[in-house]
PDB file of N, CA and C in Angstrom:
ATOM      1  N   MET A   1     133.633  35.841 202.273  1.00  0.00           N
ATOM      2  CA  MET A   1     134.344  36.957 202.826  1.00  0.00           C
ATOM      3  C   MET A   1     135.725  36.511 203.313  1.00  0.00           C
ATOM      4  N   ALA A   2     135.788  35.335 203.928  1.00  0.00           N
ATOM      5  CA  ALA A   2     137.077  34.825 204.395  1.00  0.00           C
ATOM      6  C   ALA A   2     138.011  34.589 203.214  1.00  0.00           C
ATOM      7  N   TYR A   3     137.468  34.093 202.116  1.00  0.00           N
ATOM      8  CA  TYR A   3     138.288  33.875 200.929  1.00  0.00           C
ATOM      9  C   TYR A   3     138.867  35.194 200.432  1.00  0.00           C
ATOM     10  N   ARG A   4     138.030  36.237 200.381  1.00  0.00           N
ATOM     11  CA  ARG A   4     138.511  37.540 199.933  1.00  0.00           C
ATOM     12  C   ARG A   4     139.603  38.061 200.849  1.00  0.00           C
ATOM     13  N   MET A   5     139.445  37.872 202.158  1.00  0.00           N
ATOM     14  CA  MET A   5     140.459  38.338 203.101  1.00  0.00           C
ATOM     15  C   MET A   5     141.743  37.535 202.948  1.00  0.00           C
ATOM     16  N   ALA A   6     141.611  36.230 202.706  1.00  0.00           N
ATOM     17  CA  ALA A   6     142.791  35.380 202.571  1.00  0.00           C
ATOM     18  C   ALA A   6     143.572  35.685 201.299  1.00  0.00           C
ATOM     19  N   GLU A   7     142.918  36.273 200.307  1.00  0.00           N
ATOM     20  CA  GLU A   7     143.626  36.657 199.080  1.00  0.00           C
ATOM     21  C   GLU A   7     144.722  37.672 199.361  1.00  0.00           C
ATOM     22  N   GLY A   8     144.525  38.480 200.388  1.00  0.00           N
ATOM     23  CA  GLY A   8     145.504  39.490 200.722  1.00  0.00           C
ATOM     24  C   GLY A   8     145.384  40.711 199.818  1.00  0.00           C
ATOM     25  N   VAL A   9     146.361  41.584 199.943  1.00  0.00           N
ATOM     26  CA  VAL A   9     146.377  42.821 199.166  1.00  0.00           C
ATOM     27  C   VAL A   9     146.685  42.504 197.715  1.00  0.00           C
ATOM     28  N   ARG A  10     145.935  43.131 196.819  1.00  0.00           N
ATOM     29  CA  ARG A  10     146.169  42.925 195.386  1.00  0.00           C
ATOM     30  C   ARG A  10     147.093  44.034 194.879  1.00  0.00           C
ATOM     31  N   TRP A  11     148.130  43.623 194.213  1.00  0.00           N
ATOM     32  CA  TRP A  11     149.104  44.574 193.678  1.00  0.00           C
ATOM     33  C   TRP A  11     149.077  44.624 192.157  1.00  0.00           C
ATOM     34  N   ASP A  12     148.160  43.915 191.527  1.00  0.00           N
ATOM     35  CA  ASP A  12     148.180  43.805 190.078  1.00  0.00           C
ATOM     36  C   ASP A  12     147.913  45.128 189.360  1.00  0.00           C
ATOM     37  N   ASP A  13     147.252  46.089 190.020  1.00  0.00           N
ATOM     38  CA  ASP A  13     146.997  47.367 189.354  1.00  0.00           C
ATOM     39  C   ASP A  13     147.607  48.539 190.126  1.00  0.00           C
ATOM     40  N   PHE A  14     148.675  48.268 190.842  1.00  0.00           N
ATOM     41  CA  PHE A  14     149.312  49.292 191.664  1.00  0.00           C
ATOM     42  C   PHE A  14     149.757  50.488 190.827  1.00  0.00           C
ATOM     43  N   ASP A  15     150.383  50.227 189.697  1.00  0.00           N
ATOM     44  CA  ASP A  15     150.851  51.327 188.839  1.00  0.00           C
ATOM     45  C   ASP A  15     149.690  52.152 188.302  1.00  0.00           C
ATOM     46  N   ALA A  16     148.591  51.488 187.941  1.00  0.00           N
ATOM     47  CA  ALA A  16     147.414  52.211 187.461  1.00  0.00           C
ATOM     48  C   ALA A  16     146.812  53.060 188.585  1.00  0.00           C
ATOM     49  N   GLY A  17     146.842  52.555 189.805  1.00  0.00           N
ATOM     50  CA  GLY A  17     146.351  53.326 190.948  1.00  0.00           C
ATOM     51  C   GLY A  17     147.189  54.565 191.196  1.00  0.00           C
ATOM     52  N   LEU A  18     148.502  54.425 191.106  1.00  0.00           N
ATOM     53  CA  LEU A  18     149.375  55.588 191.270  1.00  0.00           C
ATOM     54  C   LEU A  18     149.159  56.598 190.149  1.00  0.00           C
ATOM     55  N   ALA A  19     148.930  56.101 188.959  1.00  0.00           N
ATOM     56  CA  ALA A  19     148.666  57.005 187.831  1.00  0.00           C
ATOM     57  C   ALA A  19     147.373  57.781 188.070  1.00  0.00           C
ATOM     58  N   ALA A  20     146.377  57.138 188.656  1.00  0.00           N
ATOM     59  CA  ALA A  20     145.124  57.819 188.961  1.00  0.00           C
ATOM     60  C   ALA A  20     145.351  58.935 189.975  1.00  0.00           C
ATOM     61  N   ILE A  21     146.199  58.685 190.962  1.00  0.00           N
ATOM     62  CA  ILE A  21     146.516  59.728 191.948  1.00  0.00           C
ATOM     63  C   ILE A  21     147.158  60.917 191.259  1.00  0.00           C
ATOM     64  N   ARG A  22     148.087  60.652 190.339  1.00  0.00           N
ATOM     65  CA  ARG A  22     148.732  61.746 189.598  1.00  0.00           C
ATOM     66  C   ARG A  22     147.721  62.476 188.716  1.00  0.00           C
ATOM     67  N   ASP A  23     146.811  61.754 188.090  1.00  0.00           N
ATOM     68  CA  ASP A  23     145.809  62.375 187.216  1.00  0.00           C
ATOM     69  C   ASP A  23     144.893  63.318 187.991  1.00  0.00           C
ATOM     70  N   ILE A  24     144.470  62.901 189.173  1.00  0.00           N
ATOM     71  CA  ILE A  24     143.470  63.648 189.928  1.00  0.00           C
ATOM     72  C   ILE A  24     144.083  64.820 190.666  1.00  0.00           C
ATOM     73  N   GLY A  25     145.222  64.592 191.284  1.00  0.00           N
ATOM     74  CA  GLY A  25     145.901  65.678 191.991  1.00  0.00           C
ATOM     75  C   GLY A  25     145.235  66.045 193.305  1.00  0.00           C
ATOM     76  N   PRO A  26     145.855  66.990 194.026  1.00  0.00           N
ATOM     77  CA  PRO A  26     145.343  67.399 195.341  1.00  0.00           C
ATOM     78  C   PRO A  26     143.955  68.039 195.227  1.00  0.00           C
ATOM     79  N   GLY A  27     143.086  67.674 196.154  1.00  0.00           N
ATOM     80  CA  GLY A  27     141.765  68.275 196.225  1.00  0.00           C
ATOM     81  C   GLY A  27     140.738  67.666 195.290  1.00  0.00           C
ATOM     82  N   GLY A  28     141.143  66.762 194.406  1.00  0.00           N
ATOM     83  CA  GLY A  28     140.201  66.157 193.481  1.00  0.00           C
ATOM     84  C   GLY A  28     139.504  64.964 194.102  1.00  0.00           C
ATOM     85  N   HIS A  29     138.574  64.391 193.362  1.00  0.00           N
ATOM     86  CA  HIS A  29     137.907  63.197 193.850  1.00  0.00           C
ATOM     87  C   HIS A  29     138.081  62.075 192.829  1.00  0.00           C
ATOM     88  N   TYR A  30     137.986  60.861 193.321  1.00  0.00           N
ATOM     89  CA  TYR A  30     138.286  59.675 192.518  1.00  0.00           C
ATOM     90  C   TYR A  30     137.045  59.000 191.940  1.00  0.00           C
ATOM     91  N   LEU A  31     135.863  59.401 192.364  1.00  0.00           N
ATOM     92  CA  LEU A  31     134.655  58.672 191.985  1.00  0.00           C
ATOM     93  C   LEU A  31     134.428  58.613 190.482  1.00  0.00           C
ATOM     94  N   GLY A  32     134.777  59.661 189.763  1.00  0.00           N
ATOM     95  CA  GLY A  32     134.542  59.668 188.324  1.00  0.00           C
ATOM     96  C   GLY A  32     135.718  59.197 187.496  1.00  0.00           C
ATOM     97  N   HIS A  33     136.833  58.895 188.140  1.00  0.00           N
ATOM     98  CA  HIS A  33     138.032  58.480 187.400  1.00  0.00           C
ATOM     99  C   HIS A  33     137.836  57.071 186.835  1.00  0.00           C
ATOM    100  N   PRO A  34     138.287  56.815 185.623  1.00  0.00           N
ATOM    101  CA  PRO A  34     138.119  55.480 185.028  1.00  0.00           C
ATOM    102  C   PRO A  34     138.677  54.349 185.887  1.00  0.00           C
ATOM    103  N   HIS A  35     139.804  54.564 186.575  1.00  0.00           N
ATOM    104  CA  HIS A  35     140.377  53.515 187.421  1.00  0.00           C
ATOM    105  C   HIS A  35     139.415  53.138 188.540  1.00  0.00           C
ATOM    106  N   THR A  36     138.775  54.136 189.150  1.00  0.00           N
ATOM    107  CA  THR A  36     137.803  53.862 190.212  1.00  0.00           C
ATOM    108  C   THR A  36     136.598  53.128 189.648  1.00  0.00           C
ATOM    109  N   GLN A  37     136.083  53.592 188.522  1.00  0.00           N
ATOM    110  CA  GLN A  37     134.912  52.971 187.921  1.00  0.00           C
ATOM    111  C   GLN A  37     135.165  51.506 187.568  1.00  0.00           C
ATOM    112  N   GLU A  38     136.367  51.199 187.134  1.00  0.00           N
ATOM    113  CA  GLU A  38     136.694  49.825 186.744  1.00  0.00           C
ATOM    114  C   GLU A  38     136.933  48.902 187.940  1.00  0.00           C
ATOM    115  N   ASN A  39     137.318  49.463 189.096  1.00  0.00           N
ATOM    116  CA  ASN A  39     137.787  48.622 190.201  1.00  0.00           C
ATOM    117  C   ASN A  39     137.031  48.737 191.516  1.00  0.00           C
ATOM    118  N   PHE A  40     136.049  49.638 191.622  1.00  0.00           N
ATOM    119  CA  PHE A  40     135.452  49.849 192.938  1.00  0.00           C
ATOM    120  C   PHE A  40     134.695  48.635 193.452  1.00  0.00           C
ATOM    121  N   GLN A  41     134.094  47.842 192.576  1.00  0.00           N
ATOM    122  CA  GLN A  41     133.310  46.708 193.065  1.00  0.00           C
ATOM    123  C   GLN A  41     134.167  45.618 193.689  1.00  0.00           C
ATOM    124  N   ARG A  42     135.385  45.458 193.233  1.00  0.00           N
ATOM    125  CA  ARG A  42     136.221  44.417 193.834  1.00  0.00           C
ATOM    126  C   ARG A  42     136.908  44.895 195.103  1.00  0.00           C
ATOM    127  N   ALA A  43     136.800  46.191 195.408  1.00  0.00           N
ATOM    128  CA  ALA A  43     137.433  46.723 196.607  1.00  0.00           C
ATOM    129  C   ALA A  43     136.598  46.483 197.858  1.00  0.00           C
ATOM    130  N   PHE A  44     135.317  46.216 197.689  1.00  0.00           N
ATOM    131  CA  PHE A  44     134.427  46.038 198.826  1.00  0.00           C
ATOM    132  C   PHE A  44     133.760  44.677 198.758  1.00  0.00           C
ATOM    133  N   PHE A  45     133.443  44.162 199.927  1.00  0.00           N
ATOM    134  CA  PHE A  45     132.702  42.909 199.988  1.00  0.00           C
ATOM    135  C   PHE A  45     131.416  43.175 200.747  1.00  0.00           C
ATOM    136  N   MET A  46     130.315  43.016 200.056  1.00  0.00           N
ATOM    137  CA  MET A  46     129.007  43.180 200.683  1.00  0.00           C
ATOM    138  C   MET A  46     128.307  41.831 200.651  1.00  0.00           C
ATOM    139  N   PRO A  47     128.247  41.117 201.767  1.00  0.00           N
ATOM    140  CA  PRO A  47     127.615  39.804 201.778  1.00  0.00           C
ATOM    141  C   PRO A  47     126.128  39.910 201.437  1.00  0.00           C
ATOM    142  N   GLU A  48     125.654  38.946 200.667  1.00  0.00           N
ATOM    143  CA  GLU A  48     124.269  38.961 200.237  1.00  0.00           C
ATOM    144  C   GLU A  48     123.308  38.579 201.356  1.00  0.00           C
ATOM    145  N   MET A  49     123.710  37.716 202.241  1.00  0.00           N
ATOM    146  CA  MET A  49     122.788  37.187 203.240  1.00  0.00           C
ATOM    147  C   MET A  49     122.747  38.016 204.525  1.00  0.00           C
ATOM    148  N   PHE A  50     123.831  38.677 204.856  1.00  0.00           N
ATOM    149  CA  PHE A  50     123.870  39.438 206.102  1.00  0.00           C
ATOM    150  C   PHE A  50     123.154  40.769 205.937  1.00  0.00           C
ATOM    151  N   ASP A  51     122.609  41.265 207.016  1.00  0.00           N
ATOM    152  CA  ASP A  51     121.910  42.537 207.020  1.00  0.00           C
ATOM    153  C   ASP A  51     122.800  43.552 207.723  1.00  0.00           C
ATOM    154  N   ASN A  52     123.218  44.571 207.000  1.00  0.00           N
ATOM    155  CA  ASN A  52     124.108  45.576 207.573  1.00  0.00           C
ATOM    156  C   ASN A  52     123.356  46.801 208.074  1.00  0.00           C
ATOM    157  N   ASN A  53     122.037  46.725 208.127  1.00  0.00           N
ATOM    158  CA  ASN A  53     121.242  47.839 208.627  1.00  0.00           C
ATOM    159  C   ASN A  53     121.335  47.932 210.143  1.00  0.00           C
ATOM    160  N   SER A  54     120.851  49.050 210.667  1.00  0.00           N
ATOM    161  CA  SER A  54     120.772  49.210 212.117  1.00  0.00           C
ATOM    162  C   SER A  54     119.723  48.241 212.659  1.00  0.00           C
ATOM    163  N   VAL A  55     119.761  48.003 213.969  1.00  0.00           N
ATOM    164  CA  VAL A  55     118.790  47.118 214.599  1.00  0.00           C
ATOM    165  C   VAL A  55     117.386  47.657 214.374  1.00  0.00           C
ATOM    166  N   GLU A  56     117.236  48.980 214.454  1.00  0.00           N
ATOM    167  CA  GLU A  56     115.915  49.585 214.268  1.00  0.00           C
ATOM    168  C   GLU A  56     115.385  49.328 212.853  1.00  0.00           C
ATOM    169  N   GLN A  57     116.255  49.480 211.851  1.00  0.00           N
ATOM    170  CA  GLN A  57     115.840  49.231 210.471  1.00  0.00           C
ATOM    171  C   GLN A  57     115.549  47.749 210.260  1.00  0.00           C
ATOM    172  N   TRP A  58     116.382  46.883 210.839  1.00  0.00           N
ATOM    173  CA  TRP A  58     116.159  45.436 210.748  1.00  0.00           C
ATOM    174  C   TRP A  58     114.799  45.069 211.328  1.00  0.00           C
ATOM    175  N   MET A  59     114.452  45.653 212.475  1.00  0.00           N
ATOM    176  CA  MET A  59     113.156  45.385 213.101  1.00  0.00           C
ATOM    177  C   MET A  59     112.017  45.926 212.230  1.00  0.00           C
ATOM    178  N   ALA A  60     112.192  47.092 211.659  1.00  0.00           N
ATOM    179  CA  ALA A  60     111.168  47.675 210.796  1.00  0.00           C
ATOM    180  C   ALA A  60     110.961  46.834 209.537  1.00  0.00           C
ATOM    181  N   ASP A  61     112.012  46.154 209.107  1.00  0.00           N
ATOM    182  CA  ASP A  61     111.929  45.301 207.908  1.00  0.00           C
ATOM    183  C   ASP A  61     111.413  43.895 208.222  1.00  0.00           C
ATOM    184  N   GLY A  62     111.004  43.663 209.474  1.00  0.00           N
ATOM    185  CA  GLY A  62     110.398  42.372 209.816  1.00  0.00           C
ATOM    186  C   GLY A  62     111.254  41.471 210.669  1.00  0.00           C
ATOM    187  N   SER A  63     112.432  41.895 211.102  1.00  0.00           N
ATOM    188  CA  SER A  63     113.313  41.117 211.987  1.00  0.00           C
ATOM    189  C   SER A  63     113.625  39.740 211.425  1.00  0.00           C
ATOM    190  N   VAL A  64     113.912  39.662 210.151  1.00  0.00           N
ATOM    191  CA  VAL A  64     114.196  38.370 209.518  1.00  0.00           C
ATOM    192  C   VAL A  64     115.627  37.962 209.861  1.00  0.00           C
ATOM    193  N   GLU A  65     115.761  36.824 210.530  1.00  0.00           N
ATOM    194  CA  GLU A  65     117.086  36.348 210.951  1.00  0.00           C
ATOM    195  C   GLU A  65     117.853  35.749 209.776  1.00  0.00           C
ATOM    196  N   ILE A  66     119.156  35.611 209.929  1.00  0.00           N
ATOM    197  CA  ILE A  66     120.027  35.113 208.859  1.00  0.00           C
ATOM    198  C   ILE A  66     119.625  33.710 208.419  1.00  0.00           C
ATOM    199  N   THR A  67     119.217  32.864 209.362  1.00  0.00           N
ATOM    200  CA  THR A  67     118.837  31.497 208.988  1.00  0.00           C
ATOM    201  C   THR A  67     117.593  31.498 208.111  1.00  0.00           C
ATOM    202  N   ALA A  68     116.641  32.369 208.402  1.00  0.00           N
ATOM    203  CA  ALA A  68     115.433  32.458 207.576  1.00  0.00           C
ATOM    204  C   ALA A  68     115.771  33.019 206.196  1.00  0.00           C
ATOM    205  N   ARG A  69     116.646  34.034 206.139  1.00  0.00           N
ATOM    206  CA  ARG A  69     117.061  34.588 204.840  1.00  0.00           C
ATOM    207  C   ARG A  69     117.776  33.529 204.013  1.00  0.00           C
ATOM    208  N   ALA A  70     118.637  32.748 204.669  1.00  0.00           N
ATOM    209  CA  ALA A  70     119.367  31.701 203.958  1.00  0.00           C
ATOM    210  C   ALA A  70     118.418  30.616 203.452  1.00  0.00           C
ATOM    211  N   LEU A  71     117.463  30.230 204.283  1.00  0.00           N
ATOM    212  CA  LEU A  71     116.493  29.210 203.879  1.00  0.00           C
ATOM    213  C   LEU A  71     115.639  29.703 202.714  1.00  0.00           C
ATOM    214  N   ASN A  72     115.198  30.961 202.782  1.00  0.00           N
ATOM    215  CA  ASN A  72     114.425  31.533 201.674  1.00  0.00           C
ATOM    216  C   ASN A  72     115.245  31.580 200.394  1.00  0.00           C
ATOM    217  N   ARG A  73     116.505  31.924 200.512  1.00  0.00           N
ATOM    218  CA  ARG A  73     117.382  31.975 199.331  1.00  0.00           C
ATOM    219  C   ARG A  73     117.570  30.576 198.741  1.00  0.00           C
ATOM    220  N   ALA A  74     117.788  29.580 199.604  1.00  0.00           N
ATOM    221  CA  ALA A  74     117.957  28.203 199.138  1.00  0.00           C
ATOM    222  C   ALA A  74     116.692  27.715 198.440  1.00  0.00           C
ATOM    223  N   ARG A  75     115.537  28.023 199.013  1.00  0.00           N
ATOM    224  CA  ARG A  75     114.271  27.612 198.387  1.00  0.00           C
ATOM    225  C   ARG A  75     114.088  28.283 197.028  1.00  0.00           C
ATOM    226  N   ALA A  76     114.438  29.554 196.948  1.00  0.00           N
ATOM    227  CA  ALA A  76     114.309  30.273 195.666  1.00  0.00           C
ATOM    228  C   ALA A  76     115.233  29.661 194.612  1.00  0.00           C
ATOM    229  N   LEU A  77     116.447  29.313 195.016  1.00  0.00           N
ATOM    230  CA  LEU A  77     117.379  28.686 194.074  1.00  0.00           C
ATOM    231  C   LEU A  77     116.863  27.328 193.611  1.00  0.00           C
ATOM    232  N   LEU A  78     116.335  26.544 194.551  1.00  0.00           N
ATOM    233  CA  LEU A  78     115.801  25.234 194.180  1.00  0.00           C
ATOM    234  C   LEU A  78     114.577  25.358 193.281  1.00  0.00           C
ATOM    235  N   ASN A  79     113.720  26.320 193.563  1.00  0.00           N
ATOM    236  CA  ASN A  79     112.528  26.518 192.732  1.00  0.00           C
ATOM    237  C   ASN A  79     112.880  26.993 191.324  1.00  0.00           C
ATOM    238  N   ALA A  80     113.985  27.717 191.200  1.00  0.00           N
ATOM    239  CA  ALA A  80     114.387  28.249 189.896  1.00  0.00           C
ATOM    240  C   ALA A  80     115.237  27.255 189.094  1.00  0.00           C
ATOM    241  N   TYR A  81     115.598  26.131 189.715  1.00  0.00           N
ATOM    242  CA  TYR A  81     116.476  25.166 189.055  1.00  0.00           C
ATOM    243  C   TYR A  81     115.791  24.553 187.837  1.00  0.00           C
ATOM    244  N   GLU A  82     116.527  24.487 186.766  1.00  0.00           N
ATOM    245  CA  GLU A  82     116.063  23.804 185.567  1.00  0.00           C
ATOM    246  C   GLU A  82     117.082  22.723 185.231  1.00  0.00           C
ATOM    247  N   GLU A  83     116.591  21.499 185.150  1.00  0.00           N
ATOM    248  CA  GLU A  83     117.490  20.385 184.864  1.00  0.00           C
ATOM    249  C   GLU A  83     118.072  20.560 183.463  1.00  0.00           C
ATOM    250  N   PRO A  84     119.395  20.460 183.350  1.00  0.00           N
ATOM    251  CA  PRO A  84     119.996  20.596 182.016  1.00  0.00           C
ATOM    252  C   PRO A  84     119.571  19.442 181.119  1.00  0.00           C
ATOM    253  N   LYS A  85     119.355  19.746 179.883  1.00  0.00           N
ATOM    254  CA  LYS A  85     118.941  18.729 178.914  1.00  0.00           C
ATOM    255  C   LYS A  85     120.179  17.988 178.401  1.00  0.00           C
ATOM    256  N   LEU A  86     120.088  16.670 178.418  1.00  0.00           N
ATOM    257  CA  LEU A  86     121.157  15.825 177.897  1.00  0.00           C
ATOM    258  C   LEU A  86     120.715  15.241 176.561  1.00  0.00           C
ATOM    259  N   ASP A  87     121.674  15.040 175.720  1.00  0.00           N
ATOM    260  CA  ASP A  87     121.406  14.301 174.495  1.00  0.00           C
ATOM    261  C   ASP A  87     120.874  12.928 174.893  1.00  0.00           C
ATOM    262  N   ALA A  88     119.860  12.445 174.193  1.00  0.00           N
ATOM    263  CA  ALA A  88     119.222  11.173 174.548  1.00  0.00           C
ATOM    264  C   ALA A  88     120.228  10.019 174.565  1.00  0.00           C
ATOM    265  N   GLY A  89     121.172  10.013 173.641  1.00  0.00           N
ATOM    266  CA  GLY A  89     122.178   8.960 173.593  1.00  0.00           C
ATOM    267  C   GLY A  89     123.099   8.995 174.793  1.00  0.00           C
ATOM    268  N   ILE A  90     123.503  10.187 175.194  1.00  0.00           N
ATOM    269  CA  ILE A  90     124.376  10.329 176.366  1.00  0.00           C
ATOM    270  C   ILE A  90     123.623   9.914 177.626  1.00  0.00           C
ATOM    271  N   ASP A  91     122.365  10.340 177.729  1.00  0.00           N
ATOM    272  CA  ASP A  91     121.555   9.981 178.891  1.00  0.00           C
ATOM    273  C   ASP A  91     121.411   8.467 178.997  1.00  0.00           C
ATOM    274  N   GLU A  92     121.129   7.819 177.895  1.00  0.00           N
ATOM    275  CA  GLU A  92     120.978   6.362 177.888  1.00  0.00           C
ATOM    276  C   GLU A  92     122.285   5.675 178.269  1.00  0.00           C
ATOM    277  N   ALA A  93     123.398   6.167 177.743  1.00  0.00           N
ATOM    278  CA  ALA A  93     124.700   5.583 178.068  1.00  0.00           C
ATOM    279  C   ALA A  93     125.010   5.734 179.551  1.00  0.00           C
ATOM    280  N   LEU A  94     124.689   6.892 180.132  1.00  0.00           N
ATOM    281  CA  LEU A  94     124.930   7.092 181.562  1.00  0.00           C
ATOM    282  C   LEU A  94     124.055   6.178 182.408  1.00  0.00           C
ATOM    283  N   LEU A  95     122.795   6.053 182.037  1.00  0.00           N
ATOM    284  CA  LEU A  95     121.900   5.164 182.790  1.00  0.00           C
ATOM    285  C   LEU A  95     122.354   3.715 182.689  1.00  0.00           C
ATOM    286  N   ASP A  96     122.828   3.299 181.511  1.00  0.00           N
ATOM    287  CA  ASP A  96     123.356   1.947 181.352  1.00  0.00           C
ATOM    288  C   ASP A  96     124.585   1.742 182.235  1.00  0.00           C
ATOM    289  N   TYR A  97     125.461   2.739 182.293  1.00  0.00           N
ATOM    290  CA  TYR A  97     126.664   2.647 183.110  1.00  0.00           C
ATOM    291  C   TYR A  97     126.297   2.503 184.588  1.00  0.00           C
ATOM    292  N   VAL A  98     125.350   3.335 185.058  1.00  0.00           N
ATOM    293  CA  VAL A  98     124.934   3.265 186.467  1.00  0.00           C
ATOM    294  C   VAL A  98     124.345   1.896 186.771  1.00  0.00           C
ATOM    295  N   ALA A  99     123.492   1.395 185.901  1.00  0.00           N
ATOM    296  CA  ALA A  99     122.884   0.078 186.129  1.00  0.00           C
ATOM    297  C   ALA A  99     123.946  -1.016 186.162  1.00  0.00           C
ATOM    298  N   ARG A 100     124.919  -0.952 185.269  1.00  0.00           N
ATOM    299  CA  ARG A 100     125.984  -1.964 185.238  1.00  0.00           C
ATOM    300  C   ARG A 100     126.806  -1.909 186.519  1.00  0.00           C
ATOM    301  N   ARG A 101     127.160  -0.696 186.966  1.00  0.00           N
ATOM    302  CA  ARG A 101     127.963  -0.563 188.179  1.00  0.00           C
ATOM    303  C   ARG A 101     127.181  -1.023 189.409  1.00  0.00           C
ATOM    304  N   GLU A 102     125.867  -0.778 189.427  1.00  0.00           N
ATOM    305  CA  GLU A 102     125.065  -1.246 190.552  1.00  0.00           C
ATOM    306  C   GLU A 102     125.051  -2.769 190.614  1.00  0.00           C
ATOM    307  N   ARG A 103     125.088  -3.419 189.465  1.00  0.00           N
ATOM    308  CA  ARG A 103     125.143  -4.888 189.465  1.00  0.00           C
ATOM    309  C   ARG A 103     126.529  -5.377 189.878  1.00  0.00           C
ATOM    310  N   GLU A 104     127.573  -4.665 189.517  1.00  0.00           N
ATOM    311  CA  GLU A 104     128.949  -5.103 189.783  1.00  0.00           C
ATOM    312  C   GLU A 104     129.388  -4.846 191.221  1.00  0.00           C
ATOM    313  N   ILE A 105     128.938  -3.768 191.811  1.00  0.00           N
ATOM    314  CA  ILE A 105     129.368  -3.401 193.160  1.00  0.00           C
ATOM    315  C   ILE A 105     128.522  -4.167 194.163  1.00  0.00           C
ATOM    316  N   PRO A 106     129.142  -4.862 195.119  1.00  0.00           N
ATOM    317  CA  PRO A 106     128.379  -5.630 196.105  1.00  0.00           C
ATOM    318  C   PRO A 106     127.537  -4.718 196.987  1.00  0.00           C
ATOM    319  N   ALA A 107     126.487  -5.267 197.527  1.00  0.00           N
ATOM    320  CA  ALA A 107     125.640  -4.523 198.459  1.00  0.00           C
ATOM    321  C   ALA A 107     126.445  -4.155 199.693  1.00  0.00           C
ATOM    322  N   GLU A 108     125.996  -3.164 200.407  1.00  0.00           N
ATOM    323  CA  GLU A 108     126.724  -2.680 201.578  1.00  0.00           C
ATOM    324  C   GLU A 108     126.935  -3.787 202.610  1.00  0.00           C
ATOM    325  N   GLY A 109     125.917  -4.573 202.890  1.00  0.00           N
ATOM    326  CA  GLY A 109     126.039  -5.656 203.863  1.00  0.00           C
ATOM    327  C   GLY A 109     127.033  -6.706 203.413  1.00  0.00           C
ATOM    328  N   ALA A 110     127.056  -6.986 202.107  1.00  0.00           N
ATOM    329  CA  ALA A 110     127.983  -7.967 201.578  1.00  0.00           C
ATOM    330  C   ALA A 110     129.417  -7.473 201.702  1.00  0.00           C
ATOM    331  N   LEU A 111     129.630  -6.203 201.552  1.00  0.00           N
ATOM    332  CA  LEU A 111     130.973  -5.653 201.704  1.00  0.00           C
ATOM    333  C   LEU A 111     131.508  -5.908 203.100  1.00  0.00           C
ATOM    334  N   ASN A 112     130.656  -5.738 204.092  1.00  0.00           N
ATOM    335  CA  ASN A 112     131.090  -5.906 205.466  1.00  0.00           C
ATOM    336  C   ASN A 112     131.296  -7.361 205.849  1.00  0.00           C
ATOM    337  N   ASN A 113     130.559  -8.276 205.225  1.00  0.00           N
ATOM    338  CA  ASN A 113     130.614  -9.677 205.613  1.00  0.00           C
ATOM    339  C   ASN A 113     131.510 -10.526 204.727  1.00  0.00           C
ATOM    340  N   GLU A 114     131.516 -10.264 203.447  1.00  0.00           N
ATOM    341  CA  GLU A 114     132.211 -11.136 202.526  1.00  0.00           C
ATOM    342  C   GLU A 114     133.598 -10.664 202.116  1.00  0.00           C
ATOM    343  N   TYR A 115     133.910  -9.402 202.284  1.00  0.00           N
ATOM    344  CA  TYR A 115     135.192  -8.899 201.772  1.00  0.00           C
ATOM    345  C   TYR A 115     136.098  -8.458 202.879  1.00  0.00           C
TER     346      TYR A 115
END
């Protein structure tokens, strides 16, 4: 949300917005206009984790706090994670590189004492 606010006002479709005002005219509504349909989702920010319901509705829904919602979301993401498949040759080359670098780089204690 802070990122969206820091972006500031967007002027990239200002002319299209003015054209929509001219198209609709006084007393009309914008909900069905193509400009509104194309742009309404970027005009609002609805955070996924926050609950915008009333306190009464929040309590009726189980009083789930933001930390619990965030933890549940993190667990769901971790459970749904699928490790990307690497080509066997690339995987072997990466493992060889890691093993070589582990042999070349001194241990942490040696860094503090010897270098």
